[in-house]
Amino acid sequence: MGKELYEEEEYNKAINPLTEALIIFSHHKGIKLNLMQELLSTYDNDKLNNDELKQVKKLILKLITFSKEHELYTRLKKMQKKYQQLASI
C-alpha cells in the first residue's frame, strides 16, 4: 500500500501504513528506509512542518550502523544526504 501511494506521489498518506508496519516489524531496515523516503518527500513538498525531519533524524540514528557492504547502505547514504540538504546541515 505504501509503495503504491509513493508512486502516486501521495507521500503523506503513505506515512501511516509504513508507521504501522514499523510497529509490527520494528527491526525491519527496509521499512525504516521506506518511511524515511516518505517523510523526506512529504517535508520537501511542504516545508512548514519540521516533525518529518525530526522523525527522519531518529531513523538515521537507528540505521547509522550499516556497514558499507550492507545491501541498503547506498540507499541510506542517499537519504542521509537528502536529509542534510533539506535540514540545511
PDB file of N, CA and C in Angstrom:
ATOM      1  N   MET A   1       0.816  -1.192   0.000  1.00  0.00           N
ATOM      2  CA  MET A   1       0.000   0.000   0.000  1.00  0.00           C
ATOM      3  C   MET A   1       0.863   1.260   0.000  1.00  0.00           C
ATOM      4  N   GLY A   2       1.903   1.293   0.846  1.00  0.00           N
ATOM      5  CA  GLY A   2       2.779   2.459   0.921  1.00  0.00           C
ATOM      6  C   GLY A   2       3.494   2.731  -0.389  1.00  0.00           C
ATOM      7  N   LYS A   3       3.916   1.659  -1.055  1.00  0.00           N
ATOM      8  CA  LYS A   3       4.623   1.807  -2.320  1.00  0.00           C
ATOM      9  C   LYS A   3       3.720   2.412  -3.386  1.00  0.00           C
ATOM     10  N   GLU A   4       2.483   1.946  -3.430  1.00  0.00           N
ATOM     11  CA  GLU A   4       1.535   2.475  -4.415  1.00  0.00           C
ATOM     12  C   GLU A   4       1.272   3.961  -4.165  1.00  0.00           C
ATOM     13  N   LEU A   5       1.109   4.315  -2.907  1.00  0.00           N
ATOM     14  CA  LEU A   5       0.876   5.723  -2.564  1.00  0.00           C
ATOM     15  C   LEU A   5       2.086   6.580  -2.925  1.00  0.00           C
ATOM     16  N   TYR A   6       3.290   6.039  -2.716  1.00  0.00           N
ATOM     17  CA  TYR A   6       4.501   6.769  -3.085  1.00  0.00           C
ATOM     18  C   TYR A   6       4.539   7.005  -4.584  1.00  0.00           C
ATOM     19  N   GLU A   7       4.252   5.964  -5.353  1.00  0.00           N
ATOM     20  CA  GLU A   7       4.280   6.089  -6.811  1.00  0.00           C
ATOM     21  C   GLU A   7       3.245   7.089  -7.314  1.00  0.00           C
ATOM     22  N   GLU A   8       2.144   7.240  -6.565  1.00  0.00           N
ATOM     23  CA  GLU A   8       1.112   8.218  -6.918  1.00  0.00           C
ATOM     24  C   GLU A   8       1.408   9.591  -6.317  1.00  0.00           C
ATOM     25  N   GLU A   9       2.580   9.724  -5.698  1.00  0.00           N
ATOM     26  CA  GLU A   9       3.028  10.945  -5.038  1.00  0.00           C
ATOM     27  C   GLU A   9       2.089  11.378  -3.915  1.00  0.00           C
ATOM     28  N   GLU A  10       1.499  10.402  -3.262  1.00  0.00           N
ATOM     29  CA  GLU A  10       0.655  10.625  -2.091  1.00  0.00           C
ATOM     30  C   GLU A  10       1.504  10.340  -0.847  1.00  0.00           C
ATOM     31  N   TYR A  11       2.580  11.097  -0.720  1.00  0.00           N
ATOM     32  CA  TYR A  11       3.580  10.822   0.310  1.00  0.00           C
ATOM     33  C   TYR A  11       2.998  10.839   1.715  1.00  0.00           C
ATOM     34  N   ASN A  12       2.217  11.842   2.011  1.00  0.00           N
ATOM     35  CA  ASN A  12       1.679  11.985   3.356  1.00  0.00           C
ATOM     36  C   ASN A  12       0.774  10.802   3.725  1.00  0.00           C
ATOM     37  N   LYS A  13       0.003  10.303   2.750  1.00  0.00           N
ATOM     38  CA  LYS A  13      -0.892   9.173   3.004  1.00  0.00           C
ATOM     39  C   LYS A  13      -0.114   7.872   3.201  1.00  0.00           C
ATOM     40  N   ALA A  14       1.082   7.795   2.679  1.00  0.00           N
ATOM     41  CA  ALA A  14       1.882   6.571   2.792  1.00  0.00           C
ATOM     42  C   ALA A  14       2.559   6.454   4.154  1.00  0.00           C
ATOM     43  N   ILE A  15       2.656   7.541   4.877  1.00  0.00           N
ATOM     44  CA  ILE A  15       3.363   7.525   6.164  1.00  0.00           C
ATOM     45  C   ILE A  15       2.659   6.627   7.175  1.00  0.00           C
ATOM     46  N   ASN A  16       1.338   6.711   7.286  1.00  0.00           N
ATOM     47  CA  ASN A  16       0.621   5.915   8.288  1.00  0.00           C
ATOM     48  C   ASN A  16       0.776   4.410   8.091  1.00  0.00           C
ATOM     49  N   PRO A  17       0.570   3.877   6.872  1.00  0.00           N
ATOM     50  CA  PRO A  17       0.760   2.424   6.720  1.00  0.00           C
ATOM     51  C   PRO A  17       2.195   1.979   7.035  1.00  0.00           C
ATOM     52  N   LEU A  18       3.163   2.794   6.670  1.00  0.00           N
ATOM     53  CA  LEU A  18       4.552   2.431   6.957  1.00  0.00           C
ATOM     54  C   LEU A  18       4.854   2.515   8.451  1.00  0.00           C
ATOM     55  N   THR A  19       4.284   3.503   9.113  1.00  0.00           N
ATOM     56  CA  THR A  19       4.462   3.614  10.563  1.00  0.00           C
ATOM     57  C   THR A  19       3.848   2.410  11.263  1.00  0.00           C
ATOM     58  N   GLU A  20       2.676   1.997  10.802  1.00  0.00           N
ATOM     59  CA  GLU A  20       2.028   0.817  11.380  1.00  0.00           C
ATOM     60  C   GLU A  20       2.861  -0.440  11.111  1.00  0.00           C
ATOM     61  N   ALA A  21       3.401  -0.558   9.925  1.00  0.00           N
ATOM     62  CA  ALA A  21       4.247  -1.707   9.600  1.00  0.00           C
ATOM     63  C   ALA A  21       5.492  -1.727  10.477  1.00  0.00           C
ATOM     64  N   LEU A  22       6.037  -0.560  10.753  1.00  0.00           N
ATOM     65  CA  LEU A  22       7.235  -0.473  11.584  1.00  0.00           C
ATOM     66  C   LEU A  22       6.950  -0.877  13.029  1.00  0.00           C
ATOM     67  N   ILE A  23       5.737  -0.631  13.484  1.00  0.00           N
ATOM     68  CA  ILE A  23       5.357  -1.069  14.829  1.00  0.00           C
ATOM     69  C   ILE A  23       5.396  -2.600  14.907  1.00  0.00           C
ATOM     70  N   ILE A  24       4.906  -3.249  13.861  1.00  0.00           N
ATOM     71  CA  ILE A  24       4.873  -4.714  13.842  1.00  0.00           C
ATOM     72  C   ILE A  24       6.269  -5.297  13.586  1.00  0.00           C
ATOM     73  N   PHE A  25       6.999  -4.680  12.649  1.00  0.00           N
ATOM     74  CA  PHE A  25       8.330  -5.157  12.269  1.00  0.00           C
ATOM     75  C   PHE A  25       9.369  -4.101  12.647  1.00  0.00           C
ATOM     76  N   SER A  26       9.562  -3.901  13.927  1.00  0.00           N
ATOM     77  CA  SER A  26      10.364  -2.785  14.432  1.00  0.00           C
ATOM     78  C   SER A  26      11.836  -2.818  14.034  1.00  0.00           C
ATOM     79  N   HIS A  27      12.334  -3.974  13.632  1.00  0.00           N
ATOM     80  CA  HIS A  27      13.749  -4.070  13.265  1.00  0.00           C
ATOM     81  C   HIS A  27      13.965  -4.151  11.757  1.00  0.00           C
ATOM     82  N   HIS A  28      12.906  -3.991  10.999  1.00  0.00           N
ATOM     83  CA  HIS A  28      12.980  -4.136   9.539  1.00  0.00           C
ATOM     84  C   HIS A  28      13.592  -2.882   8.915  1.00  0.00           C
ATOM     85  N   LYS A  29      14.796  -3.021   8.422  1.00  0.00           N
ATOM     86  CA  LYS A  29      15.536  -1.878   7.883  1.00  0.00           C
ATOM     87  C   LYS A  29      14.899  -1.310   6.616  1.00  0.00           C
ATOM     88  N   GLY A  30      14.334  -2.169   5.782  1.00  0.00           N
ATOM     89  CA  GLY A  30      13.686  -1.703   4.555  1.00  0.00           C
ATOM     90  C   GLY A  30      12.482  -0.827   4.842  1.00  0.00           C
ATOM     91  N   ILE A  31      11.694  -1.199   5.841  1.00  0.00           N
ATOM     92  CA  ILE A  31      10.536  -0.383   6.219  1.00  0.00           C
ATOM     93  C   ILE A  31      11.008   0.961   6.744  1.00  0.00           C
ATOM     94  N   LYS A  32      12.072   0.965   7.530  1.00  0.00           N
ATOM     95  CA  LYS A  32      12.612   2.223   8.052  1.00  0.00           C
ATOM     96  C   LYS A  32      13.063   3.132   6.913  1.00  0.00           C
ATOM     97  N   LEU A  33      13.730   2.552   5.926  1.00  0.00           N
ATOM     98  CA  LEU A  33      14.187   3.354   4.786  1.00  0.00           C
ATOM     99  C   LEU A  33      13.003   3.869   3.963  1.00  0.00           C
ATOM    100  N   ASN A  34      11.996   3.033   3.760  1.00  0.00           N
ATOM    101  CA  ASN A  34      10.812   3.473   3.031  1.00  0.00           C
ATOM    102  C   ASN A  34      10.114   4.616   3.761  1.00  0.00           C
ATOM    103  N   LEU A  35      10.005   4.491   5.079  1.00  0.00           N
ATOM    104  CA  LEU A  35       9.387   5.544   5.872  1.00  0.00           C
ATOM    105  C   LEU A  35      10.201   6.829   5.786  1.00  0.00           C
ATOM    106  N   MET A  36      11.527   6.706   5.846  1.00  0.00           N
ATOM    107  CA  MET A  36      12.387   7.889   5.702  1.00  0.00           C
ATOM    108  C   MET A  36      12.133   8.578   4.368  1.00  0.00           C
ATOM    109  N   GLN A  37      12.022   7.794   3.317  1.00  0.00           N
ATOM    110  CA  GLN A  37      11.800   8.344   1.983  1.00  0.00           C
ATOM    111  C   GLN A  37      10.471   9.101   1.923  1.00  0.00           C
ATOM    112  N   GLU A  38       9.426   8.527   2.502  1.00  0.00           N
ATOM    113  CA  GLU A  38       8.120   9.194   2.531  1.00  0.00           C
ATOM    114  C   GLU A  38       8.174  10.488   3.334  1.00  0.00           C
ATOM    115  N   LEU A  39       8.818  10.436   4.489  1.00  0.00           N
ATOM    116  CA  LEU A  39       8.916  11.623   5.342  1.00  0.00           C
ATOM    117  C   LEU A  39       9.699  12.738   4.649  1.00  0.00           C
ATOM    118  N   LEU A  40      10.786  12.380   4.000  1.00  0.00           N
ATOM    119  CA  LEU A  40      11.585  13.389   3.285  1.00  0.00           C
ATOM    120  C   LEU A  40      10.801  13.992   2.128  1.00  0.00           C
ATOM    121  N   SER A  41      10.068  13.156   1.401  1.00  0.00           N
ATOM    122  CA  SER A  41       9.265  13.655   0.287  1.00  0.00           C
ATOM    123  C   SER A  41       8.139  14.556   0.781  1.00  0.00           C
ATOM    124  N   THR A  42       7.509  14.172   1.887  1.00  0.00           N
ATOM    125  CA  THR A  42       6.444  14.991   2.463  1.00  0.00           C
ATOM    126  C   THR A  42       6.992  16.342   2.890  1.00  0.00           C
ATOM    127  N   TYR A  43       8.125  16.329   3.570  1.00  0.00           N
ATOM    128  CA  TYR A  43       8.721  17.597   4.009  1.00  0.00           C
ATOM    129  C   TYR A  43       9.153  18.435   2.807  1.00  0.00           C
ATOM    130  N   ASP A  44       9.693  17.805   1.799  1.00  0.00           N
ATOM    131  CA  ASP A  44      10.157  18.522   0.612  1.00  0.00           C
ATOM    132  C   ASP A  44       9.000  19.232  -0.094  1.00  0.00           C
ATOM    133  N   ASN A  45       7.804  18.644  -0.031  1.00  0.00           N
ATOM    134  CA  ASN A  45       6.623  19.253  -0.651  1.00  0.00           C
ATOM    135  C   ASN A  45       6.011  20.359   0.204  1.00  0.00           C
ATOM    136  N   ASP A  46       6.182  20.275   1.515  1.00  0.00           N
ATOM    137  CA  ASP A  46       5.568  21.246   2.425  1.00  0.00           C
ATOM    138  C   ASP A  46       6.512  21.465   3.600  1.00  0.00           C
ATOM    139  N   LYS A  47       7.345  22.455   3.484  1.00  0.00           N
ATOM    140  CA  LYS A  47       8.405  22.679   4.466  1.00  0.00           C
ATOM    141  C   LYS A  47       7.937  23.383   5.744  1.00  0.00           C
ATOM    142  N   LEU A  48       6.645  23.392   5.989  1.00  0.00           N
ATOM    143  CA  LEU A  48       6.124  24.081   7.167  1.00  0.00           C
ATOM    144  C   LEU A  48       6.189  23.236   8.434  1.00  0.00           C
ATOM    145  N   ASN A  49       6.285  21.929   8.292  1.00  0.00           N
ATOM    146  CA  ASN A  49       6.239  21.042   9.450  1.00  0.00           C
ATOM    147  C   ASN A  49       7.580  20.334   9.623  1.00  0.00           C
ATOM    148  N   ASN A  50       8.259  20.617  10.706  1.00  0.00           N
ATOM    149  CA  ASN A  50       9.571  20.010  10.969  1.00  0.00           C
ATOM    150  C   ASN A  50       9.485  18.622  11.592  1.00  0.00           C
ATOM    151  N   ASP A  51       8.272  18.159  11.902  1.00  0.00           N
ATOM    152  CA  ASP A  51       8.130  16.844  12.534  1.00  0.00           C
ATOM    153  C   ASP A  51       8.707  15.735  11.664  1.00  0.00           C
ATOM    154  N   GLU A  52       8.540  15.877  10.344  1.00  0.00           N
ATOM    155  CA  GLU A  52       9.074  14.860   9.443  1.00  0.00           C
ATOM    156  C   GLU A  52      10.591  14.765   9.563  1.00  0.00           C
ATOM    157  N   LEU A  53      11.253  15.926   9.599  1.00  0.00           N
ATOM    158  CA  LEU A  53      12.717  15.918   9.705  1.00  0.00           C
ATOM    159  C   LEU A  53      13.182  15.330  11.032  1.00  0.00           C
ATOM    160  N   LYS A  54      12.461  15.609  12.089  1.00  0.00           N
ATOM    161  CA  LYS A  54      12.819  15.052  13.397  1.00  0.00           C
ATOM    162  C   LYS A  54      12.714  13.528  13.381  1.00  0.00           C
ATOM    163  N   GLN A  55      11.667  13.031  12.740  1.00  0.00           N
ATOM    164  CA  GLN A  55      11.475  11.590  12.669  1.00  0.00           C
ATOM    165  C   GLN A  55      12.545  10.935  11.786  1.00  0.00           C
ATOM    166  N   VAL A  56      12.910  11.605  10.693  1.00  0.00           N
ATOM    167  CA  VAL A  56      13.967  11.086   9.821  1.00  0.00           C
ATOM    168  C   VAL A  56      15.285  11.010  10.585  1.00  0.00           C
ATOM    169  N   LYS A  57      15.582  12.023  11.359  1.00  0.00           N
ATOM    170  CA  LYS A  57      16.829  12.024  12.127  1.00  0.00           C
ATOM    171  C   LYS A  57      16.880  10.821  13.073  1.00  0.00           C
ATOM    172  N   LYS A  58      15.767  10.525  13.731  1.00  0.00           N
ATOM    173  CA  LYS A  58      15.716   9.368  14.625  1.00  0.00           C
ATOM    174  C   LYS A  58      15.963   8.070  13.860  1.00  0.00           C
ATOM    175  N   LEU A  59      15.367   7.973  12.665  1.00  0.00           N
ATOM    176  CA  LEU A  59      15.552   6.770  11.863  1.00  0.00           C
ATOM    177  C   LEU A  59      16.993   6.642  11.382  1.00  0.00           C
ATOM    178  N   ILE A  60      17.604   7.753  10.989  1.00  0.00           N
ATOM    179  CA  ILE A  60      19.008   7.721  10.563  1.00  0.00           C
ATOM    180  C   ILE A  60      19.891   7.220  11.697  1.00  0.00           C
ATOM    181  N   LEU A  61      19.642   7.711  12.892  1.00  0.00           N
ATOM    182  CA  LEU A  61      20.446   7.286  14.040  1.00  0.00           C
ATOM    183  C   LEU A  61      20.298   5.794  14.320  1.00  0.00           C
ATOM    184  N   LYS A  62      19.117   5.236  14.026  1.00  0.00           N
ATOM    185  CA  LYS A  62      18.909   3.802  14.222  1.00  0.00           C
ATOM    186  C   LYS A  62      19.609   2.975  13.145  1.00  0.00           C
ATOM    187  N   LEU A  63      19.801   3.557  11.971  1.00  0.00           N
ATOM    188  CA  LEU A  63      20.365   2.815  10.843  1.00  0.00           C
ATOM    189  C   LEU A  63      21.832   3.127  10.569  1.00  0.00           C
ATOM    190  N   ILE A  64      22.407   4.046  11.301  1.00  0.00           N
ATOM    191  CA  ILE A  64      23.762   4.525  11.026  1.00  0.00           C
ATOM    192  C   ILE A  64      24.807   3.415  11.144  1.00  0.00           C
ATOM    193  N   THR A  65      24.439   2.301  11.740  1.00  0.00           N
ATOM    194  CA  THR A  65      25.391   1.216  11.956  1.00  0.00           C
ATOM    195  C   THR A  65      25.587   0.321  10.729  1.00  0.00           C
ATOM    196  N   PHE A  66      24.924   0.638   9.621  1.00  0.00           N
ATOM    197  CA  PHE A  66      25.115  -0.145   8.395  1.00  0.00           C
ATOM    198  C   PHE A  66      26.593  -0.172   8.021  1.00  0.00           C
ATOM    199  N   SER A  67      27.070  -1.338   7.628  1.00  0.00           N
ATOM    200  CA  SER A  67      28.422  -1.394   7.084  1.00  0.00           C
ATOM    201  C   SER A  67      28.344  -1.025   5.601  1.00  0.00           C
ATOM    202  N   LYS A  68      29.465  -0.650   5.021  1.00  0.00           N
ATOM    203  CA  LYS A  68      29.497  -0.282   3.598  1.00  0.00           C
ATOM    204  C   LYS A  68      29.096  -1.460   2.716  1.00  0.00           C
ATOM    205  N   GLU A  69      29.231  -2.659   3.224  1.00  0.00           N
ATOM    206  CA  GLU A  69      28.887  -3.844   2.458  1.00  0.00           C
ATOM    207  C   GLU A  69      27.403  -4.189   2.521  1.00  0.00           C
ATOM    208  N   HIS A  70      26.670  -3.552   3.427  1.00  0.00           N
ATOM    209  CA  HIS A  70      25.247  -3.853   3.576  1.00  0.00           C
ATOM    210  C   HIS A  70      24.513  -3.479   2.299  1.00  0.00           C
ATOM    211  N   GLU A  71      23.561  -4.319   1.897  1.00  0.00           N
ATOM    212  CA  GLU A  71      22.850  -4.108   0.636  1.00  0.00           C
ATOM    213  C   GLU A  71      22.059  -2.798   0.595  1.00  0.00           C
ATOM    214  N   LEU A  72      21.709  -2.232   1.734  1.00  0.00           N
ATOM    215  CA  LEU A  72      20.922  -0.996   1.786  1.00  0.00           C
ATOM    216  C   LEU A  72      21.764   0.241   2.099  1.00  0.00           C
ATOM    217  N   TYR A  73      23.071   0.056   2.209  1.00  0.00           N
ATOM    218  CA  TYR A  73      23.967   1.160   2.591  1.00  0.00           C
ATOM    219  C   TYR A  73      23.866   2.343   1.629  1.00  0.00           C
ATOM    220  N   THR A  74      23.913   2.088   0.333  1.00  0.00           N
ATOM    221  CA  THR A  74      23.877   3.168  -0.662  1.00  0.00           C
ATOM    222  C   THR A  74      22.576   3.952  -0.558  1.00  0.00           C
ATOM    223  N   ARG A  75      21.483   3.242  -0.386  1.00  0.00           N
ATOM    224  CA  ARG A  75      20.178   3.911  -0.255  1.00  0.00           C
ATOM    225  C   ARG A  75      20.138   4.776   1.001  1.00  0.00           C
ATOM    226  N   LEU A  76      20.664   4.268   2.099  1.00  0.00           N
ATOM    227  CA  LEU A  76      20.715   5.047   3.332  1.00  0.00           C
ATOM    228  C   LEU A  76      21.520   6.322   3.127  1.00  0.00           C
ATOM    229  N   LYS A  77      22.663   6.209   2.486  1.00  0.00           N
ATOM    230  CA  LYS A  77      23.524   7.373   2.270  1.00  0.00           C
ATOM    231  C   LYS A  77      22.835   8.425   1.402  1.00  0.00           C
ATOM    232  N   LYS A  78      22.077   7.996   0.392  1.00  0.00           N
ATOM    233  CA  LYS A  78      21.345   8.933  -0.453  1.00  0.00           C
ATOM    234  C   LYS A  78      20.305   9.697   0.359  1.00  0.00           C
ATOM    235  N   MET A  79      19.594   8.975   1.216  1.00  0.00           N
ATOM    236  CA  MET A  79      18.565   9.640   2.029  1.00  0.00           C
ATOM    237  C   MET A  79      19.192  10.509   3.114  1.00  0.00           C
ATOM    238  N   GLN A  80      20.317  10.085   3.619  1.00  0.00           N
ATOM    239  CA  GLN A  80      21.020  10.901   4.603  1.00  0.00           C
ATOM    240  C   GLN A  80      21.459  12.219   3.965  1.00  0.00           C
ATOM    241  N   LYS A  81      21.930  12.159   2.732  1.00  0.00           N
ATOM    242  CA  LYS A  81      22.333  13.365   2.015  1.00  0.00           C
ATOM    243  C   LYS A  81      21.131  14.284   1.755  1.00  0.00           C
ATOM    244  N   LYS A  82      20.002  13.681   1.377  1.00  0.00           N
ATOM    245  CA  LYS A  82      18.795  14.484   1.137  1.00  0.00           C
ATOM    246  C   LYS A  82      18.346  15.141   2.443  1.00  0.00           C
ATOM    247  N   TYR A  83      18.412  14.377   3.542  1.00  0.00           N
ATOM    248  CA  TYR A  83      18.070  14.939   4.852  1.00  0.00           C
ATOM    249  C   TYR A  83      18.947  16.152   5.162  1.00  0.00           C
ATOM    250  N   GLN A  84      20.237  16.011   4.929  1.00  0.00           N
ATOM    251  CA  GLN A  84      21.157  17.103   5.223  1.00  0.00           C
ATOM    252  C   GLN A  84      20.850  18.324   4.368  1.00  0.00           C
ATOM    253  N   GLN A  85      20.480  18.114   3.107  1.00  0.00           N
ATOM    254  CA  GLN A  85      20.124  19.223   2.239  1.00  0.00           C
ATOM    255  C   GLN A  85      18.849  19.925   2.718  1.00  0.00           C
ATOM    256  N   LEU A  86      17.836  19.139   3.053  1.00  0.00           N
ATOM    257  CA  LEU A  86      16.572  19.715   3.491  1.00  0.00           C
ATOM    258  C   LEU A  86      16.682  20.392   4.858  1.00  0.00           C
ATOM    259  N   ALA A  87      17.509  19.829   5.716  1.00  0.00           N
ATOM    260  CA  ALA A  87      17.682  20.392   7.053  1.00  0.00           C
ATOM    261  C   ALA A  87      18.732  21.500   7.069  1.00  0.00           C
ATOM    262  N   SER A  88      19.324  21.749   5.906  1.00  0.00           N
ATOM    263  CA  SER A  88      20.378  22.776   5.774  1.00  0.00           C
ATOM    264  C   SER A  88      21.538  22.530   6.706  1.00  0.00           C
ATOM    265  N   ILE A  89      21.981  21.288   6.761  1.00  0.00           N
ATOM    266  CA  ILE A  89      23.113  20.915   7.625  1.00  0.00           C
ATOM    267  C   ILE A  89      24.375  20.959   6.798  1.00  0.00           C
TER     268      ILE A  89
END
